[in-house]
């Protein structure tokens, strides 16, 4: 993930989230387990919906079995 999310990308992400306004609450959290069909590697994914003043964001955060960040998305 270090190579996928550069400092410039983090600046863009933070700017977009700041546009949502002040954080209010977490509305929903769902956690699921899965495995990569080709390698068998196991993952845990949390899908979190967070409400802000102006809008809500859904974060999808994936970790591998060693608890290393394997994916980070928001919409």
PDB file of N, CA and C in Angstrom:
ATOM      1  N   UNK A   1       0.814  -1.188   0.000  1.00  0.00           N
ATOM      2  CA  UNK A   1       0.000   0.000   0.000  1.00  0.00           C
ATOM      3  C   UNK A   1       0.862   1.259   0.000  1.00  0.00           C
ATOM      4  N   UNK A   2       2.089   1.174   0.505  1.00  0.00           N
ATOM      5  CA  UNK A   2       2.942   2.369   0.535  1.00  0.00           C
ATOM      6  C   UNK A   2       3.160   2.946  -0.854  1.00  0.00           C
ATOM      7  N   UNK A   3       3.276   2.090  -1.849  1.00  0.00           N
ATOM      8  CA  UNK A   3       3.510   2.596  -3.197  1.00  0.00           C
ATOM      9  C   UNK A   3       2.216   3.052  -3.855  1.00  0.00           C
ATOM     10  N   UNK A   4       1.081   2.497  -3.452  1.00  0.00           N
ATOM     11  CA  UNK A   4      -0.196   2.852  -4.066  1.00  0.00           C
ATOM     12  C   UNK A   4      -0.732   4.176  -3.544  1.00  0.00           C
ATOM     13  N   UNK A   5      -0.497   4.452  -2.267  1.00  0.00           N
ATOM     14  CA  UNK A   5      -1.022   5.685  -1.675  1.00  0.00           C
ATOM     15  C   UNK A   5       0.158   6.586  -1.329  1.00  0.00           C
ATOM     16  N   UNK A   6       0.434   7.515  -2.215  1.00  0.00           N
ATOM     17  CA  UNK A   6       1.532   8.450  -2.004  1.00  0.00           C
ATOM     18  C   UNK A   6       1.053   9.613  -1.127  1.00  0.00           C
ATOM     19  N   UNK A   7       1.978  10.452  -0.723  1.00  0.00           N
ATOM     20  CA  UNK A   7       1.619  11.640   0.058  1.00  0.00           C
ATOM     21  C   UNK A   7       0.650  12.527  -0.707  1.00  0.00           C
ATOM     22  N   UNK A   8       0.852  12.656  -2.015  1.00  0.00           N
ATOM     23  CA  UNK A   8      -0.052  13.471  -2.832  1.00  0.00           C
ATOM     24  C   UNK A   8      -1.469  12.904  -2.845  1.00  0.00           C
ATOM     25  N   UNK A   9      -1.571  11.589  -2.901  1.00  0.00           N
ATOM     26  CA  UNK A   9      -2.895  10.957  -2.886  1.00  0.00           C
ATOM     27  C   UNK A   9      -3.559  11.192  -1.535  1.00  0.00           C
ATOM     28  N   UNK A  10      -2.795  11.069  -0.443  1.00  0.00           N
ATOM     29  CA  UNK A  10      -3.360  11.331   0.888  1.00  0.00           C
ATOM     30  C   UNK A  10      -3.874  12.764   0.994  1.00  0.00           C
ATOM     31  N   UNK A  11      -3.162  13.722   0.428  1.00  0.00           N
ATOM     32  CA  UNK A  11      -3.607  15.119   0.449  1.00  0.00           C
ATOM     33  C   UNK A  11      -4.959  15.239  -0.247  1.00  0.00           C
ATOM     34  N   UNK A  12      -5.121  14.565  -1.377  1.00  0.00           N
ATOM     35  CA  UNK A  12      -6.388  14.596  -2.108  1.00  0.00           C
ATOM     36  C   UNK A  12      -7.514  13.940  -1.303  1.00  0.00           C
ATOM     37  N   UNK A  13      -7.208  12.821  -0.673  1.00  0.00           N
ATOM     38  CA  UNK A  13      -8.210  12.109   0.133  1.00  0.00           C
ATOM     39  C   UNK A  13      -8.657  12.980   1.299  1.00  0.00           C
ATOM     40  N   UNK A  14      -7.704  13.545   2.031  1.00  0.00           N
ATOM     41  CA  UNK A  14      -8.048  14.391   3.181  1.00  0.00           C
ATOM     42  C   UNK A  14      -8.874  15.602   2.755  1.00  0.00           C
ATOM     43  N   UNK A  15      -8.551  16.192   1.610  1.00  0.00           N
ATOM     44  CA  UNK A  15      -9.305  17.345   1.120  1.00  0.00           C
ATOM     45  C   UNK A  15     -10.742  16.946   0.806  1.00  0.00           C
ATOM     46  N   UNK A  16     -10.939  15.792   0.200  1.00  0.00           N
ATOM     47  CA  UNK A  16     -12.290  15.328  -0.127  1.00  0.00           C
ATOM     48  C   UNK A  16     -13.094  15.063   1.139  1.00  0.00           C
ATOM     49  N   UNK A  17     -12.463  14.431   2.122  1.00  0.00           N
ATOM     50  CA  UNK A  17     -13.163  14.123   3.372  1.00  0.00           C
ATOM     51  C   UNK A  17     -13.480  15.397   4.139  1.00  0.00           C
ATOM     52  N   UNK A  18     -12.572  16.354   4.140  1.00  0.00           N
ATOM     53  CA  UNK A  18     -12.842  17.638   4.799  1.00  0.00           C
ATOM     54  C   UNK A  18     -14.058  18.319   4.197  1.00  0.00           C
ATOM     55  N   UNK A  19     -14.309  18.085   2.913  1.00  0.00           N
ATOM     56  CA  UNK A  19     -15.475  18.646   2.253  1.00  0.00           C
ATOM     57  C   UNK A  19     -16.783  18.124   2.825  1.00  0.00           C
ATOM     58  N   UNK A  20     -16.730  17.018   3.526  1.00  0.00           N
ATOM     59  CA  UNK A  20     -17.913  16.459   4.164  1.00  0.00           C
ATOM     60  C   UNK A  20     -18.333  17.212   5.412  1.00  0.00           C
ATOM     61  N   UNK A  21     -17.456  18.051   5.919  1.00  0.00           N
ATOM     62  CA  UNK A  21     -17.757  18.807   7.128  1.00  0.00           C
ATOM     63  C   UNK A  21     -17.267  18.093   8.376  1.00  0.00           C
ATOM     64  N   UNK A  22     -17.832  18.489   9.494  1.00  0.00           N
ATOM     65  CA  UNK A  22     -17.422  17.941  10.789  1.00  0.00           C
ATOM     66  C   UNK A  22     -17.977  16.528  10.960  1.00  0.00           C
ATOM     67  N   UNK A  23     -17.129  15.616  11.453  1.00  0.00           N
ATOM     68  CA  UNK A  23     -17.555  14.244  11.722  1.00  0.00           C
ATOM     69  C   UNK A  23     -18.657  14.239  12.769  1.00  0.00           C
ATOM     70  N   UNK A  24     -19.706  13.457  12.520  1.00  0.00           N
ATOM     71  CA  UNK A  24     -20.810  13.343  13.476  1.00  0.00           C
ATOM     72  C   UNK A  24     -20.860  11.971  14.134  1.00  0.00           C
ATOM     73  N   UNK A  25     -20.979  10.911  13.331  1.00  0.00           N
ATOM     74  CA  UNK A  25     -21.147   9.582  13.923  1.00  0.00           C
ATOM     75  C   UNK A  25     -20.836   8.494  12.908  1.00  0.00           C
ATOM     76  N   UNK A  26     -20.611   7.293  13.415  1.00  0.00           N
ATOM     77  CA  UNK A  26     -20.512   6.109  12.569  1.00  0.00           C
ATOM     78  C   UNK A  26     -21.895   5.482  12.542  1.00  0.00           C
ATOM     79  N   UNK A  27     -22.460   5.335  11.351  1.00  0.00           N
ATOM     80  CA  UNK A  27     -23.817   4.803  11.203  1.00  0.00           C
ATOM     81  C   UNK A  27     -23.851   3.287  11.145  1.00  0.00           C
ATOM     82  N   UNK A  28     -22.824   2.677  10.545  1.00  0.00           N
ATOM     83  CA  UNK A  28     -22.871   1.231  10.354  1.00  0.00           C
ATOM     84  C   UNK A  28     -21.459   0.687  10.175  1.00  0.00           C
ATOM     85  N   UNK A  29     -21.226  -0.507  10.715  1.00  0.00           N
ATOM     86  CA  UNK A  29     -19.963  -1.214  10.508  1.00  0.00           C
ATOM     87  C   UNK A  29     -20.297  -2.658  10.165  1.00  0.00           C
ATOM     88  N   UNK A  30     -19.721  -3.148   9.072  1.00  0.00           N
ATOM     89  CA  UNK A  30     -19.861  -4.545   8.689  1.00  0.00           C
ATOM     90  C   UNK A  30     -18.462  -5.098   8.467  1.00  0.00           C
ATOM     91  N   UNK A  31     -18.194  -6.283   9.030  1.00  0.00           N
ATOM     92  CA  UNK A  31     -16.887  -6.914   8.865  1.00  0.00           C
ATOM     93  C   UNK A  31     -17.103  -8.292   8.249  1.00  0.00           C
ATOM     94  N   UNK A  32     -16.347  -8.579   7.199  1.00  0.00           N
ATOM     95  CA  UNK A  32     -16.447  -9.873   6.532  1.00  0.00           C
ATOM     96  C   UNK A  32     -15.058 -10.437   6.286  1.00  0.00           C
ATOM     97  N   UNK A  33     -14.981 -11.739   6.211  1.00  0.00           N
ATOM     98  CA  UNK A  33     -13.740 -12.424   5.868  1.00  0.00           C
ATOM     99  C   UNK A  33     -13.839 -12.977   4.461  1.00  0.00           C
ATOM    100  N   UNK A  34     -12.701 -13.057   3.800  1.00  0.00           N
ATOM    101  CA  UNK A  34     -12.675 -13.607   2.448  1.00  0.00           C
ATOM    102  C   UNK A  34     -11.284 -14.154   2.163  1.00  0.00           C
ATOM    103  N   UNK A  35     -11.175 -14.859   1.063  1.00  0.00           N
ATOM    104  CA  UNK A  35      -9.853 -15.325   0.653  1.00  0.00           C
ATOM    105  C   UNK A  35      -9.712 -15.158  -0.855  1.00  0.00           C
ATOM    106  N   UNK A  36      -8.478 -14.890  -1.265  1.00  0.00           N
ATOM    107  CA  UNK A  36      -8.160 -14.749  -2.675  1.00  0.00           C
ATOM    108  C   UNK A  36      -8.259 -16.128  -3.321  1.00  0.00           C
ATOM    109  N   UNK A  37      -9.060 -16.273  -4.355  1.00  0.00           N
ATOM    110  CA  UNK A  37      -9.282 -17.578  -4.989  1.00  0.00           C
ATOM    111  C   UNK A  37      -8.020 -18.146  -5.619  1.00  0.00           C
ATOM    112  N   UNK A  38      -7.146 -17.299  -6.120  1.00  0.00           N
ATOM    113  CA  UNK A  38      -5.950 -17.805  -6.799  1.00  0.00           C
ATOM    114  C   UNK A  38      -4.822 -18.158  -5.836  1.00  0.00           C
ATOM    115  N   UNK A  39      -4.708 -17.428  -4.712  1.00  0.00           N
ATOM    116  CA  UNK A  39      -3.593 -17.671  -3.786  1.00  0.00           C
ATOM    117  C   UNK A  39      -4.026 -18.306  -2.470  1.00  0.00           C
ATOM    118  N   UNK A  40      -5.306 -18.193  -2.129  1.00  0.00           N
ATOM    119  CA  UNK A  40      -5.788 -18.703  -0.846  1.00  0.00           C
ATOM    120  C   UNK A  40      -5.519 -17.764   0.319  1.00  0.00           C
ATOM    121  N   UNK A  41      -4.876 -16.619   0.060  1.00  0.00           N
ATOM    122  CA  UNK A  41      -4.582 -15.664   1.135  1.00  0.00           C
ATOM    123  C   UNK A  41      -5.887 -15.137   1.733  1.00  0.00           C
ATOM    124  N   UNK A  42      -5.916 -15.079   3.065  1.00  0.00           N
ATOM    125  CA  UNK A  42      -7.123 -14.642   3.770  1.00  0.00           C
ATOM    126  C   UNK A  42      -7.069 -13.152   4.084  1.00  0.00           C
ATOM    127  N   UNK A  43      -8.257 -12.533   4.045  1.00  0.00           N
ATOM    128  CA  UNK A  43      -8.393 -11.108   4.311  1.00  0.00           C
ATOM    129  C   UNK A  43      -9.603 -10.856   5.200  1.00  0.00           C
ATOM    130  N   UNK A  44      -9.561  -9.742   5.925  1.00  0.00           N
ATOM    131  CA  UNK A  44     -10.723  -9.235   6.660  1.00  0.00           C
ATOM    132  C   UNK A  44     -11.006  -7.839   6.130  1.00  0.00           C
ATOM    133  N   UNK A  45     -12.275  -7.579   5.853  1.00  0.00           N
ATOM    134  CA  UNK A  45     -12.664  -6.278   5.314  1.00  0.00           C
ATOM    135  C   UNK A  45     -13.738  -5.660   6.195  1.00  0.00           C
ATOM    136  N   UNK A  46     -13.518  -4.414   6.575  1.00  0.00           N
ATOM    137  CA  UNK A  46     -14.512  -3.639   7.326  1.00  0.00           C
ATOM    138  C   UNK A  46     -15.083  -2.585   6.391  1.00  0.00           C
ATOM    139  N   UNK A  47     -16.409  -2.520   6.342  1.00  0.00           N
ATOM    140  CA  UNK A  47     -17.100  -1.492   5.579  1.00  0.00           C
ATOM    141  C   UNK A  47     -17.779  -0.587   6.607  1.00  0.00           C
ATOM    142  N   UNK A  48     -17.371   0.671   6.645  1.00  0.00           N
ATOM    143  CA  UNK A  48     -17.814   1.608   7.674  1.00  0.00           C
ATOM    144  C   UNK A  48     -18.479   2.807   7.012  1.00  0.00           C
ATOM    145  N   UNK A  49     -19.715   3.096   7.434  1.00  0.00           N
ATOM    146  CA  UNK A  49     -20.415   4.278   6.956  1.00  0.00           C
ATOM    147  C   UNK A  49     -20.345   5.344   8.039  1.00  0.00           C
ATOM    148  N   UNK A  50     -19.763   6.488   7.697  1.00  0.00           N
ATOM    149  CA  UNK A  50     -19.582   7.583   8.647  1.00  0.00           C
ATOM    150  C   UNK A  50     -20.338   8.811   8.172  1.00  0.00           C
ATOM    151  N   UNK A  51     -21.048   9.435   9.096  1.00  0.00           N
ATOM    152  CA  UNK A  51     -21.837  10.618   8.777  1.00  0.00           C
ATOM    153  C   UNK A  51     -21.067  11.871   9.182  1.00  0.00           C
ATOM    154  N   UNK A  52     -21.053  12.849   8.268  1.00  0.00           N
ATOM    155  CA  UNK A  52     -20.451  14.147   8.498  1.00  0.00           C
ATOM    156  C   UNK A  52     -21.538  15.207   8.337  1.00  0.00           C
ATOM    157  N   UNK A  53     -21.238  16.464   8.652  1.00  0.00           N
ATOM    158  CA  UNK A  53     -22.216  17.550   8.517  1.00  0.00           C
ATOM    159  C   UNK A  53     -22.883  17.583   7.149  1.00  0.00           C
ATOM    160  N   UNK A  54     -22.078  17.518   6.091  1.00  0.00           N
ATOM    161  CA  UNK A  54     -22.570  17.756   4.741  1.00  0.00           C
ATOM    162  C   UNK A  54     -22.860  16.501   3.931  1.00  0.00           C
ATOM    163  N   UNK A  55     -22.290  15.366   4.322  1.00  0.00           N
ATOM    164  CA  UNK A  55     -22.484  14.133   3.564  1.00  0.00           C
ATOM    165  C   UNK A  55     -21.991  12.949   4.365  1.00  0.00           C
ATOM    166  N   UNK A  56     -22.227  11.764   3.847  1.00  0.00           N
ATOM    167  CA  UNK A  56     -21.728  10.532   4.457  1.00  0.00           C
ATOM    168  C   UNK A  56     -20.684   9.913   3.534  1.00  0.00           C
ATOM    169  N   UNK A  57     -19.753   9.203   4.127  1.00  0.00           N
ATOM    170  CA  UNK A  57     -18.746   8.470   3.372  1.00  0.00           C
ATOM    171  C   UNK A  57     -18.819   7.004   3.775  1.00  0.00           C
ATOM    172  N   UNK A  58     -18.537   6.138   2.824  1.00  0.00           N
ATOM    173  CA  UNK A  58     -18.399   4.714   3.111  1.00  0.00           C
ATOM    174  C   UNK A  58     -16.940   4.349   2.893  1.00  0.00           C
ATOM    175  N   UNK A  59     -16.311   3.852   3.943  1.00  0.00           N
ATOM    176  CA  UNK A  59     -14.917   3.437   3.892  1.00  0.00           C
ATOM    177  C   UNK A  59     -14.866   1.915   3.825  1.00  0.00           C
ATOM    178  N   UNK A  60     -14.043   1.390   2.935  1.00  0.00           N
ATOM    179  CA  UNK A  60     -13.814  -0.049   2.845  1.00  0.00           C
ATOM    180  C   UNK A  60     -12.336  -0.270   3.125  1.00  0.00           C
ATOM    181  N   UNK A  61     -12.052  -0.977   4.228  1.00  0.00           N
ATOM    182  CA  UNK A  61     -10.682  -1.131   4.707  1.00  0.00           C
ATOM    183  C   UNK A  61     -10.394  -2.625   4.816  1.00  0.00           C
ATOM    184  N   UNK A  62      -9.343  -3.080   4.128  1.00  0.00           N
ATOM    185  CA  UNK A  62      -9.013  -4.504   4.096  1.00  0.00           C
ATOM    186  C   UNK A  62      -7.639  -4.744   4.700  1.00  0.00           C
ATOM    187  N   UNK A  63      -7.574  -5.811   5.512  1.00  0.00           N
ATOM    188  CA  UNK A  63      -6.316  -6.219   6.145  1.00  0.00           C
ATOM    189  C   UNK A  63      -6.017  -7.668   5.779  1.00  0.00           C
ATOM    190  N   UNK A  64      -4.721  -7.984   5.655  1.00  0.00           N
ATOM    191  CA  UNK A  64      -4.356  -9.383   5.466  1.00  0.00           C
ATOM    192  C   UNK A  64      -4.241 -10.057   6.836  1.00  0.00           C
ATOM    193  N   UNK A  65      -3.870 -11.322   6.844  1.00  0.00           N
ATOM    194  CA  UNK A  65      -3.823 -12.083   8.093  1.00  0.00           C
ATOM    195  C   UNK A  65      -2.787 -11.525   9.079  1.00  0.00           C
ATOM    196  N   UNK A  66      -1.776 -10.817   8.568  1.00  0.00           N
ATOM    197  CA  UNK A  66      -0.746 -10.217   9.426  1.00  0.00           C
ATOM    198  C   UNK A  66      -1.158  -8.818   9.883  1.00  0.00           C
ATOM    199  N   UNK A  67      -2.429  -8.453   9.624  1.00  0.00           N
ATOM    200  CA  UNK A  67      -2.990  -7.145   9.978  1.00  0.00           C
ATOM    201  C   UNK A  67      -2.274  -5.993   9.276  1.00  0.00           C
ATOM    202  N   UNK A  68      -1.767  -6.265   8.081  1.00  0.00           N
ATOM    203  CA  UNK A  68      -1.193  -5.213   7.234  1.00  0.00           C
ATOM    204  C   UNK A  68      -2.305  -4.693   6.328  1.00  0.00           C
ATOM    205  N   UNK A  69      -2.310  -3.402   6.104  1.00  0.00           N
ATOM    206  CA  UNK A  69      -3.312  -2.800   5.251  1.00  0.00           C
ATOM    207  C   UNK A  69      -3.164  -3.326   3.825  1.00  0.00           C
ATOM    208  N   UNK A  70      -4.246  -3.906   3.312  1.00  0.00           N
ATOM    209  CA  UNK A  70      -4.210  -4.477   1.961  1.00  0.00           C
ATOM    210  C   UNK A  70      -5.087  -3.688   0.993  1.00  0.00           C
ATOM    211  N   UNK A  71      -6.001  -2.871   1.518  1.00  0.00           N
ATOM    212  CA  UNK A  71      -6.867  -2.075   0.660  1.00  0.00           C
ATOM    213  C   UNK A  71      -7.518  -0.964   1.450  1.00  0.00           C
ATOM    214  N   UNK A  72      -7.685   0.181   0.819  1.00  0.00           N
ATOM    215  CA  UNK A  72      -8.322   1.330   1.457  1.00  0.00           C
ATOM    216  C   UNK A  72      -9.057   2.115   0.389  1.00  0.00           C
ATOM    217  N   UNK A  73     -10.380   2.147   0.512  1.00  0.00           N
ATOM    218  CA  UNK A  73     -11.222   2.838  -0.459  1.00  0.00           C
ATOM    219  C   UNK A  73     -12.246   3.668   0.281  1.00  0.00           C
ATOM    220  N   UNK A  74     -12.709   4.709  -0.359  1.00  0.00           N
ATOM    221  CA  UNK A  74     -13.829   5.488   0.205  1.00  0.00           C
ATOM    222  C   UNK A  74     -14.660   6.006  -0.943  1.00  0.00           C
ATOM    223  N   UNK A  75     -15.923   6.247  -0.636  1.00  0.00           N
ATOM    224  CA  UNK A  75     -16.813   6.861  -1.626  1.00  0.00           C
ATOM    225  C   UNK A  75     -17.852   7.668  -0.907  1.00  0.00           C
TER     226      UNK A  75
END
